[in-house]
Amino acid sequence: MQASQLLEDVCSKNTTILFKGFLHLVEDLKNEHDSHFSKLMDALPEEYHDLLAQANYFDDDKMQHLRKRILDIGNESLRNILYEVQHFTITFDFNN
């Protein structure tokens, strides 16, 4: 395997891991938000539920928007890294 291809593969793999981690963090935040919001709904009288539902900014649409943005940013970062790597001559000297 050529050195530049090896570097591209490593960059690609680690960038993917990073943005998958961001997705997991956002999913954790959504789950925590839903849990606390549910507790709040349960604690308040029914007459306030409509108003409380309006205040729920972290709904499924927002989650999908954030997920799409994270994936878009990750893909753009990956494209930029791979583009930049092409401007270098890369060699590795492996010493055993």
Foldseek 3Di string as FASTA:
>chain_A
DFPLVVVLVVVLVVLVVVLVVVLVVLVVVLVVLVVVLVVVCVVDDPVCVVVSVVVPPSDPVVSVVVNVVSVVVSVVVSVVVSVVSVVDDDDDDDDD
